[in-house]
Amino acid sequence: MLTRSQQQHTVAACFLSWTLDAFDFFIMVFVLADIAKEFDTGMTAVTIAITLTLAARPLGALLFGYMADRIGRRRVLILNVLIFTAFEFVSGLAPSLVTFIVIRALFGVAMGGEWGVGASLTMESIPAKWRGMASGFLQAGYPCGYLLASLLYWIAFSAVGWRALFMIGAIPGLFVAGYIFFYVQESPDWLQRKTHAKIGTWEAISSNWQLMIYAILIMTAINFYAHGTQDLYPSAFLRVQHGFSVSTVSKIAIVYSVGAILGCILVASLSQKIGRRRAIVGSALLSILVIPVWAFSDNPVYLGIGAFFMQFLVQGCFGVVPAHLNELSPPAIRGMFPGFVYQFGNFLAAGNATIQSLIADRMNHDYSVALAVVPFVGAIVIAGLVGMGREGRDVKMGGEATPAQ
């Protein structure tokens, strides 16, 4: 096993990587209207960039996950961070909408690799009793990235414009890559299995195809559920539909980002005691009660309160996912399996922003119903799928794993 300090560095580095990845992605959702204005097009056309970013992520999960299972988690994670950092920077230089969309698709490939590699490195490097809290902390990087994007938008957008936000957002990637290089050790689980006969990737997939399909269905539902509450909420719903100022939108986004961070950590920590399935199902179903305030209020205070609790529960549900997927994963493909099923679920849910925008277009640009329907249906489907599945809370990994794995 790694020392306590090495384990802490691993968790911190993977958290920072996912935070930065999400930060770079969510800058986009705050400037949809501005990009559309710059390229003289409609909002729906610009949402294609979000759709393709999400759609490209499974390719990245497959590519980088395969590499992580072959040559190790640590080196691949460093490479991954450097690549998505480069594409984030050049997003701000795009001369046309088509070029911008292509760059964001390539960013999606790099983004798709980070989560699975980082999650497997984390879960394989820590004691089993840490997994619940570490899972929530790791996934909290996503709303932390959203929070940082909202702060950058609030502080810098009026002064520098949308292009500079992408370029500024790329800078921290160099520091995160350096931190991983100097302070993070390779996964003990991967090193241990490296000394034994390897099971081929295709052999591991073909013998677990039912599990893979089941996990993809879960992640499709969870991604529809989560992105349905995030992608159009700040720019289209708060800023365009309600006409709130940049300051008001940013403040509401900060409030619900704090709720998301707390939800990730608290619900995932609770899952260590009550089980992963119960924590996911409970969070999903409780979020249904928040939809009326979250989607149909007009007052910014009520919207902020509704958004806080919605994201607490949505991201609370998601906070359990890193541990749950890694525990269900076949050990031979743990670098690839969690990330691929997560990102393939993202691919199947990639049209969410465009679908919601089209619904709103048919309702005189009223986004309330479009926003409400997706998380309602998603919560019901998540509860059904996860509730009938199995639990892997006691699986052994890392130094605790046996050679038979």
Protein backbone atom coordinates (compact mmCIF):
# COMPACT_ATOMS: atom_id res chain seq x y z
CA MET A 1 0.00 0.00 0.00
CA LEU A 2 1.00 3.61 -0.48
CA THR A 3 1.82 5.79 2.51
CA ARG A 4 -0.91 8.03 3.88
CA SER A 5 0.79 11.08 2.32
CA GLN A 6 1.01 9.39 -1.10
CA GLN A 7 -2.67 8.44 -0.91
CA GLN A 8 -3.63 12.01 -0.07
CA HIS A 9 -1.60 13.37 -2.98
CA THR A 10 -3.33 10.91 -5.32
CA VAL A 11 -6.80 11.93 -4.21
CA ALA A 12 -5.90 15.63 -4.39
CA ALA A 13 -4.36 15.35 -7.87
CA CYS A 14 -7.29 13.42 -9.34
CA PHE A 15 -9.71 15.88 -7.75
CA LEU A 16 -7.79 18.80 -9.27
CA SER A 17 -7.71 17.11 -12.68
CA TRP A 18 -11.49 16.62 -12.73
CA THR A 19 -12.05 20.13 -11.37
CA LEU A 20 -9.98 21.60 -14.16
CA ASP A 21 -11.67 19.39 -16.76
CA ALA A 22 -15.12 20.53 -15.61
CA PHE A 23 -13.99 24.16 -15.33
CA ASP A 24 -12.82 24.11 -18.93
CA PHE A 25 -16.10 22.51 -20.07
CA PHE A 26 -18.47 24.76 -18.15
CA ILE A 27 -16.95 28.04 -19.28
CA MET A 28 -18.88 27.20 -22.47
CA VAL A 29 -22.34 27.18 -20.85
CA PHE A 30 -21.94 30.74 -19.55
CA VAL A 31 -21.10 32.23 -22.95
CA LEU A 32 -23.47 30.43 -25.33
CA ALA A 33 -25.34 33.63 -26.17
CA ASP A 34 -22.12 35.57 -26.70
CA ILE A 35 -20.64 32.96 -29.03
CA ALA A 36 -23.90 32.91 -31.00
CA LYS A 37 -23.76 36.71 -31.31
CA GLU A 38 -20.10 36.68 -32.41
CA PHE A 39 -20.72 34.13 -35.15
CA ASP A 40 -24.13 35.59 -36.09
CA THR A 41 -26.15 32.44 -35.42
CA GLY A 42 -28.84 31.15 -33.06
CA MET A 43 -28.40 29.60 -29.62
CA THR A 44 -29.44 26.14 -30.84
CA ALA A 45 -26.61 26.10 -33.42
CA VAL A 46 -24.04 26.85 -30.72
CA THR A 47 -25.37 24.06 -28.47
CA ILE A 48 -24.08 21.66 -31.14
CA ALA A 49 -20.62 22.35 -29.67
CA ILE A 50 -21.83 21.04 -26.29
CA THR A 51 -23.44 18.05 -27.98
CA LEU A 52 -20.27 17.12 -29.86
CA THR A 53 -18.08 17.67 -26.80
CA LEU A 54 -20.19 15.16 -24.90
CA ALA A 55 -20.46 12.83 -27.90
CA ALA A 56 -16.66 12.68 -28.32
CA ARG A 57 -16.00 11.74 -24.72
CA PRO A 58 -16.50 7.93 -25.11
CA LEU A 59 -13.72 7.85 -27.68
CA GLY A 60 -11.40 9.53 -25.21
CA ALA A 61 -12.47 7.19 -22.41
CA LEU A 62 -11.80 4.17 -24.61
CA LEU A 63 -8.46 5.45 -25.92
CA PHE A 64 -6.98 6.78 -22.68
CA GLY A 65 -8.58 4.01 -20.59
CA TYR A 66 -7.01 1.34 -22.80
CA MET A 67 -3.64 3.05 -22.45
CA ALA A 68 -4.09 3.26 -18.67
CA ASP A 69 -4.74 -0.49 -18.46
CA ARG A 70 -1.62 -1.18 -20.55
CA ILE A 71 1.01 1.36 -19.42
CA GLY A 72 -0.34 2.66 -16.10
CA ARG A 73 -2.74 5.27 -14.75
CA ARG A 74 -0.29 8.02 -13.75
CA ARG A 75 1.49 8.65 -17.07
CA VAL A 76 -1.76 8.59 -19.02
CA LEU A 77 -3.39 11.05 -16.64
CA ILE A 78 -0.53 13.54 -17.14
CA LEU A 79 -0.82 13.21 -20.92
CA ASN A 80 -4.57 13.60 -20.74
CA VAL A 81 -4.42 16.83 -18.73
CA LEU A 82 -1.89 18.39 -21.10
CA ILE A 83 -3.97 17.56 -24.18
CA PHE A 84 -7.30 18.94 -22.94
CA THR A 85 -5.46 22.03 -21.70
CA ALA A 86 -4.12 22.67 -25.21
CA PHE A 87 -7.56 22.35 -26.82
CA GLU A 88 -9.09 24.63 -24.19
CA PHE A 89 -6.58 27.34 -25.08
CA VAL A 90 -7.13 27.17 -28.84
CA SER A 91 -10.93 27.29 -28.32
CA GLY A 92 -10.44 30.99 -27.67
CA LEU A 93 -8.72 31.43 -31.03
CA ALA A 94 -11.42 29.87 -33.23
CA PRO A 95 -12.08 32.09 -36.29
CA SER A 96 -15.49 30.57 -37.12
CA LEU A 97 -18.31 28.57 -35.60
CA VAL A 98 -17.37 25.43 -37.56
CA THR A 99 -13.77 25.63 -36.34
CA PHE A 100 -14.95 26.24 -32.79
CA ILE A 101 -17.24 23.19 -32.90
CA VAL A 102 -14.40 20.99 -34.23
CA ILE A 103 -12.03 22.19 -31.49
CA ARG A 104 -14.64 21.52 -28.80
CA ALA A 105 -15.18 18.01 -30.20
CA LEU A 106 -11.43 17.36 -29.90
CA PHE A 107 -11.53 18.82 -26.40
CA GLY A 108 -14.28 16.29 -25.68
CA VAL A 109 -11.98 13.40 -26.65
CA ALA A 110 -9.39 14.58 -24.14
CA MET A 111 -12.03 15.38 -21.51
CA GLY A 112 -13.49 11.90 -21.89
CA GLY A 113 -10.26 10.22 -20.87
CA GLU A 114 -9.61 12.06 -17.62
CA TRP A 115 -12.47 10.91 -15.40
CA GLY A 116 -12.05 7.16 -15.80
CA VAL A 117 -8.26 7.20 -15.45
CA GLY A 118 -8.39 9.52 -12.43
CA ALA A 119 -11.19 7.59 -10.76
CA SER A 120 -9.46 4.22 -11.14
CA LEU A 121 -6.14 5.67 -9.91
CA THR A 122 -7.92 7.09 -6.86
CA MET A 123 -9.96 4.03 -5.92
CA GLU A 124 -7.03 1.65 -6.41
CA SER A 125 -4.72 3.77 -4.23
CA ILE A 126 -6.78 4.20 -1.05
CA PRO A 127 -8.21 1.98 1.72
CA ALA A 128 -11.72 0.61 1.17
CA LYS A 129 -13.05 2.60 4.13
CA TRP A 130 -12.12 5.85 2.34
CA ARG A 131 -13.93 5.06 -0.89
CA GLY A 132 -17.26 6.68 -0.11
CA MET A 133 -15.80 10.01 1.00
CA ALA A 134 -13.08 9.93 -1.68
CA SER A 135 -15.71 9.21 -4.33
CA GLY A 136 -17.69 12.26 -3.26
CA PHE A 137 -14.58 14.41 -3.01
CA LEU A 138 -13.42 13.32 -6.46
CA GLN A 139 -16.81 13.94 -8.08
CA ALA A 140 -17.07 17.26 -6.22
CA GLY A 141 -14.41 18.39 -8.66
CA TYR A 142 -17.18 18.69 -11.24
CA PRO A 143 -19.27 21.29 -9.36
CA CYS A 144 -16.03 22.90 -8.14
CA GLY A 145 -15.13 23.36 -11.79
CA TYR A 146 -18.58 24.82 -12.39
CA LEU A 147 -18.09 27.16 -9.43
CA LEU A 148 -14.71 28.33 -10.71
CA ALA A 149 -16.19 28.89 -14.17
CA SER A 150 -19.01 30.97 -12.68
CA LEU A 151 -16.52 33.03 -10.65
CA LEU A 152 -14.31 33.62 -13.68
CA TYR A 153 -17.36 34.61 -15.72
CA TRP A 154 -18.50 37.03 -13.02
CA ILE A 155 -15.09 38.60 -12.47
CA ALA A 156 -13.55 38.65 -15.92
CA PHE A 157 -16.16 38.32 -18.67
CA SER A 158 -17.20 41.97 -18.86
CA ALA A 159 -13.56 43.02 -19.11
CA VAL A 160 -12.04 40.41 -21.43
CA GLY A 161 -14.87 38.72 -23.38
CA TRP A 162 -15.60 35.06 -24.05
CA ARG A 163 -12.43 34.21 -25.99
CA ALA A 164 -10.09 35.16 -23.16
CA LEU A 165 -12.09 33.05 -20.70
CA PHE A 166 -11.09 29.89 -22.60
CA MET A 167 -7.46 30.97 -22.75
CA ILE A 168 -7.31 31.85 -19.05
CA GLY A 169 -9.00 28.55 -18.24
CA ALA A 170 -6.15 26.62 -19.85
CA ILE A 171 -3.38 28.01 -17.62
CA PRO A 172 -3.96 25.84 -14.48
CA GLY A 173 -3.58 22.64 -16.52
CA LEU A 174 0.19 23.06 -16.64
CA PHE A 175 0.39 23.23 -12.85
CA VAL A 176 -1.88 20.21 -12.35
CA ALA A 177 0.18 18.11 -14.76
CA GLY A 178 3.33 19.09 -12.87
CA TYR A 179 1.75 18.19 -9.53
CA ILE A 180 0.86 14.72 -10.79
CA PHE A 181 4.37 14.23 -12.19
CA PHE A 182 6.15 15.14 -8.96
CA TYR A 183 3.78 13.93 -6.22
CA VAL A 184 1.59 11.06 -7.47
CA GLN A 185 2.59 7.39 -7.48
CA GLU A 186 1.32 4.66 -9.77
CA SER A 187 -1.70 2.57 -8.73
CA PRO A 188 -0.63 -0.34 -6.46
CA ASP A 189 -3.42 -2.43 -7.95
CA TRP A 190 -2.12 -1.92 -11.50
CA LEU A 191 1.47 -2.61 -10.43
CA GLN A 192 0.41 -5.81 -8.69
CA ARG A 193 -1.55 -7.13 -11.65
CA LYS A 194 1.29 -6.15 -14.00
CA THR A 195 3.35 -9.01 -12.53
CA HIS A 196 0.66 -11.61 -13.31
CA ALA A 197 -0.70 -12.94 -16.57
CA LYS A 198 -2.84 -10.27 -18.20
CA ILE A 199 -6.40 -10.80 -19.31
CA GLY A 200 -6.97 -9.29 -22.75
CA THR A 201 -9.18 -6.24 -23.03
CA TRP A 202 -11.59 -7.89 -25.47
CA GLU A 203 -11.73 -11.05 -23.35
CA ALA A 204 -12.61 -9.01 -20.26
CA ILE A 205 -15.25 -7.03 -22.16
CA SER A 206 -16.84 -10.05 -23.84
CA SER A 207 -17.12 -11.93 -20.55
CA ASN A 208 -18.77 -8.93 -18.87
CA TRP A 209 -20.91 -7.53 -21.70
CA GLN A 210 -24.15 -7.66 -19.70
CA LEU A 211 -22.56 -5.67 -16.88
CA MET A 212 -21.25 -3.12 -19.39
CA ILE A 213 -24.66 -2.62 -21.00
CA TYR A 214 -26.29 -2.26 -17.59
CA ALA A 215 -23.70 0.31 -16.47
CA ILE A 216 -24.10 2.27 -19.72
CA LEU A 217 -27.87 2.45 -19.20
CA ILE A 218 -27.35 3.77 -15.67
CA MET A 219 -24.89 6.40 -16.83
CA THR A 220 -27.12 7.45 -19.73
CA ALA A 221 -29.91 8.15 -17.27
CA ILE A 222 -27.59 9.93 -14.82
CA ASN A 223 -26.05 12.08 -17.55
CA PHE A 224 -29.43 13.12 -18.94
CA TYR A 225 -30.46 13.85 -15.36
CA ALA A 226 -27.37 15.94 -14.53
CA HIS A 227 -26.87 17.80 -17.81
CA GLY A 228 -30.59 18.47 -17.96
CA THR A 229 -30.18 20.62 -14.85
CA GLN A 230 -26.92 22.33 -15.85
CA ASP A 231 -26.28 23.02 -19.51
CA LEU A 232 -28.96 25.64 -20.27
CA TYR A 233 -29.74 26.83 -16.77
CA PRO A 234 -27.36 29.81 -16.42
CA SER A 235 -27.25 31.24 -19.93
CA ALA A 236 -30.58 30.36 -21.55
CA PHE A 237 -32.88 30.12 -18.50
CA LEU A 238 -31.51 32.69 -16.06
CA ARG A 239 -29.87 35.21 -18.36
CA VAL A 240 -32.01 35.09 -21.53
CA GLN A 241 -35.46 33.99 -20.33
CA HIS A 242 -35.44 35.82 -16.99
CA GLY A 243 -33.21 38.68 -18.10
CA PHE A 244 -31.01 38.56 -15.01
CA SER A 245 -27.71 40.43 -15.02
CA VAL A 246 -24.32 38.75 -15.26
CA SER A 247 -23.87 39.42 -11.53
CA THR A 248 -27.19 37.79 -10.58
CA VAL A 249 -26.60 34.75 -12.79
CA SER A 250 -23.13 34.31 -11.32
CA LYS A 251 -24.41 34.58 -7.74
CA ILE A 252 -27.11 31.96 -8.34
CA ALA A 253 -24.53 29.71 -10.02
CA ILE A 254 -22.21 30.07 -7.04
CA VAL A 255 -25.03 29.15 -4.65
CA TYR A 256 -25.99 25.99 -6.52
CA SER A 257 -22.35 25.05 -7.07
CA VAL A 258 -21.84 25.10 -3.29
CA GLY A 259 -24.93 22.89 -2.96
CA ALA A 260 -23.50 20.50 -5.54
CA ILE A 261 -20.15 20.25 -3.75
CA LEU A 262 -21.80 19.56 -0.40
CA GLY A 263 -24.14 17.02 -1.98
CA CYS A 264 -21.29 15.13 -3.61
CA ILE A 265 -19.31 14.77 -0.41
CA LEU A 266 -22.15 14.18 2.07
CA VAL A 267 -24.22 11.72 0.04
CA ALA A 268 -21.16 9.74 -1.10
CA SER A 269 -19.89 9.59 2.49
CA LEU A 270 -23.32 8.35 3.58
CA SER A 271 -23.12 5.64 0.91
CA GLN A 272 -20.23 4.07 2.84
CA LYS A 273 -22.76 3.27 5.58
CA ILE A 274 -26.07 2.69 3.78
CA GLY A 275 -24.73 1.36 0.48
CA ARG A 276 -24.16 2.87 -2.95
CA ARG A 277 -27.56 1.92 -4.38
CA ARG A 278 -29.63 3.34 -1.55
CA ALA A 279 -27.72 6.62 -1.64
CA ILE A 280 -28.16 7.04 -5.41
CA VAL A 281 -31.85 6.08 -5.45
CA GLY A 282 -32.69 8.26 -2.45
CA SER A 283 -31.01 11.36 -3.90
CA ALA A 284 -32.63 10.92 -7.30
CA LEU A 285 -36.16 10.55 -5.96
CA LEU A 286 -35.88 13.42 -3.48
CA SER A 287 -34.82 15.78 -6.27
CA ILE A 288 -38.27 15.43 -7.87
CA LEU A 289 -39.72 17.39 -4.95
CA VAL A 290 -37.47 20.37 -5.75
CA ILE A 291 -38.40 20.73 -9.44
CA PRO A 292 -41.35 23.17 -9.00
CA VAL A 293 -39.27 25.77 -7.15
CA TRP A 294 -36.16 25.20 -9.27
CA ALA A 295 -37.78 25.44 -12.73
CA PHE A 296 -40.94 27.51 -12.30
CA SER A 297 -40.01 30.33 -9.90
CA ASP A 298 -39.46 33.87 -11.13
CA ASN A 299 -37.84 35.41 -8.06
CA PRO A 300 -34.01 35.05 -8.05
CA VAL A 301 -34.01 34.19 -4.33
CA TYR A 302 -36.42 31.28 -4.82
CA LEU A 303 -34.54 30.18 -7.91
CA GLY A 304 -31.30 30.22 -5.93
CA ILE A 305 -32.83 28.14 -3.13
CA GLY A 306 -34.34 25.66 -5.58
CA ALA A 307 -31.08 25.43 -7.52
CA PHE A 308 -29.08 24.82 -4.32
CA PHE A 309 -31.19 21.81 -3.31
CA MET A 310 -31.52 20.51 -6.86
CA GLN A 311 -27.77 20.42 -7.35
CA PHE A 312 -27.21 19.07 -3.83
CA LEU A 313 -29.30 16.03 -4.76
CA VAL A 314 -28.28 15.69 -8.41
CA GLN A 315 -24.59 15.83 -7.60
CA GLY A 316 -25.16 13.82 -4.43
CA CYS A 317 -26.41 11.06 -6.71
CA PHE A 318 -23.40 11.55 -8.98
CA GLY A 319 -20.95 11.67 -6.07
CA VAL A 320 -21.45 7.96 -5.44
CA VAL A 321 -20.69 7.04 -9.08
CA PRO A 322 -16.84 6.91 -8.99
CA ALA A 323 -16.86 4.36 -6.16
CA HIS A 324 -19.85 2.41 -7.49
CA LEU A 325 -18.52 1.99 -11.03
CA ASN A 326 -14.99 1.12 -9.93
CA GLU A 327 -16.33 -1.45 -7.48
CA LEU A 328 -18.47 -3.04 -10.19
CA SER A 329 -15.66 -2.95 -12.77
CA PRO A 330 -13.70 -6.07 -13.81
CA PRO A 331 -10.17 -5.45 -12.41
CA ALA A 332 -8.42 -6.14 -15.73
CA ILE A 333 -10.17 -3.19 -17.40
CA ARG A 334 -10.73 -0.87 -14.46
CA GLY A 335 -8.80 1.90 -16.20
CA MET A 336 -11.18 1.74 -19.16
CA PHE A 337 -14.51 0.36 -17.87
CA PRO A 338 -15.72 3.12 -15.48
CA GLY A 339 -14.70 5.94 -17.81
CA PHE A 340 -16.09 4.30 -20.94
CA VAL A 341 -19.52 3.45 -19.50
CA TYR A 342 -19.72 6.94 -17.97
CA GLN A 343 -18.74 8.66 -21.21
CA PHE A 344 -20.78 6.38 -23.47
CA GLY A 345 -23.72 7.29 -21.28
CA ASN A 346 -22.72 10.90 -21.93
CA PHE A 347 -22.71 10.16 -25.65
CA LEU A 348 -26.24 8.77 -25.54
CA ALA A 349 -27.31 11.82 -23.55
CA ALA A 350 -25.26 14.26 -25.64
CA GLY A 351 -28.28 15.74 -27.41
CA ASN A 352 -29.76 16.97 -24.15
CA ALA A 353 -28.93 20.68 -24.58
CA THR A 354 -30.15 20.73 -28.16
CA ILE A 355 -33.32 18.77 -27.27
CA GLN A 356 -34.14 21.14 -24.41
CA SER A 357 -33.45 24.16 -26.60
CA LEU A 358 -35.74 22.83 -29.35
CA ILE A 359 -38.52 22.19 -26.81
CA ALA A 360 -38.15 25.75 -25.55
CA ASP A 361 -38.19 27.10 -29.10
CA ARG A 362 -41.60 25.46 -29.57
CA MET A 363 -42.83 27.04 -26.34
CA ASN A 364 -41.96 30.63 -27.24
CA HIS A 365 -38.47 30.32 -25.71
CA ASP A 366 -39.81 29.30 -22.30
CA TYR A 367 -37.28 26.85 -20.85
CA SER A 368 -39.17 25.91 -17.66
CA VAL A 369 -40.97 22.84 -18.98
CA ALA A 370 -37.92 21.68 -20.95
CA LEU A 371 -35.82 21.90 -17.80
CA ALA A 372 -38.39 20.17 -15.59
CA VAL A 373 -39.14 17.13 -17.76
CA VAL A 374 -35.59 15.80 -18.12
CA PRO A 375 -34.63 15.51 -14.42
CA PHE A 376 -38.09 14.17 -13.53
CA VAL A 377 -37.88 11.32 -16.03
CA GLY A 378 -34.18 10.81 -15.28
CA ALA A 379 -34.77 10.42 -11.56
CA ILE A 380 -37.43 7.75 -12.09
CA VAL A 381 -35.26 5.78 -14.52
CA ILE A 382 -32.19 6.02 -12.25
CA ALA A 383 -34.14 4.74 -9.28
CA GLY A 384 -35.40 1.75 -11.26
CA LEU A 385 -32.06 0.80 -12.82
CA VAL A 386 -29.84 1.27 -9.78
CA GLY A 387 -32.40 -0.20 -7.42
CA MET A 388 -32.43 -3.53 -9.24
CA GLY A 389 -28.63 -3.75 -9.55
CA ARG A 390 -25.94 -5.14 -7.28
CA GLU A 391 -23.52 -3.67 -4.77
CA GLY A 392 -19.73 -3.93 -4.90
CA ARG A 393 -18.85 -2.03 -1.72
CA ASP A 394 -16.66 -4.81 -0.29
CA VAL A 395 -14.52 -5.52 -3.37
CA LYS A 396 -10.77 -5.51 -2.73
CA MET A 397 -8.40 -3.17 -4.61
CA GLY A 398 -4.83 -1.97 -4.44
CA GLY A 399 -2.72 -3.42 -1.65
CA GLU A 400 -5.88 -5.05 -0.28
CA ALA A 401 -6.47 -6.95 -3.54
CA THR A 402 -5.56 -10.59 -3.88
CA PRO A 403 -3.41 -11.90 -6.75
CA ALA A 404 -6.44 -13.73 -8.13
CA GLN A 405 -7.87 -10.38 -9.19
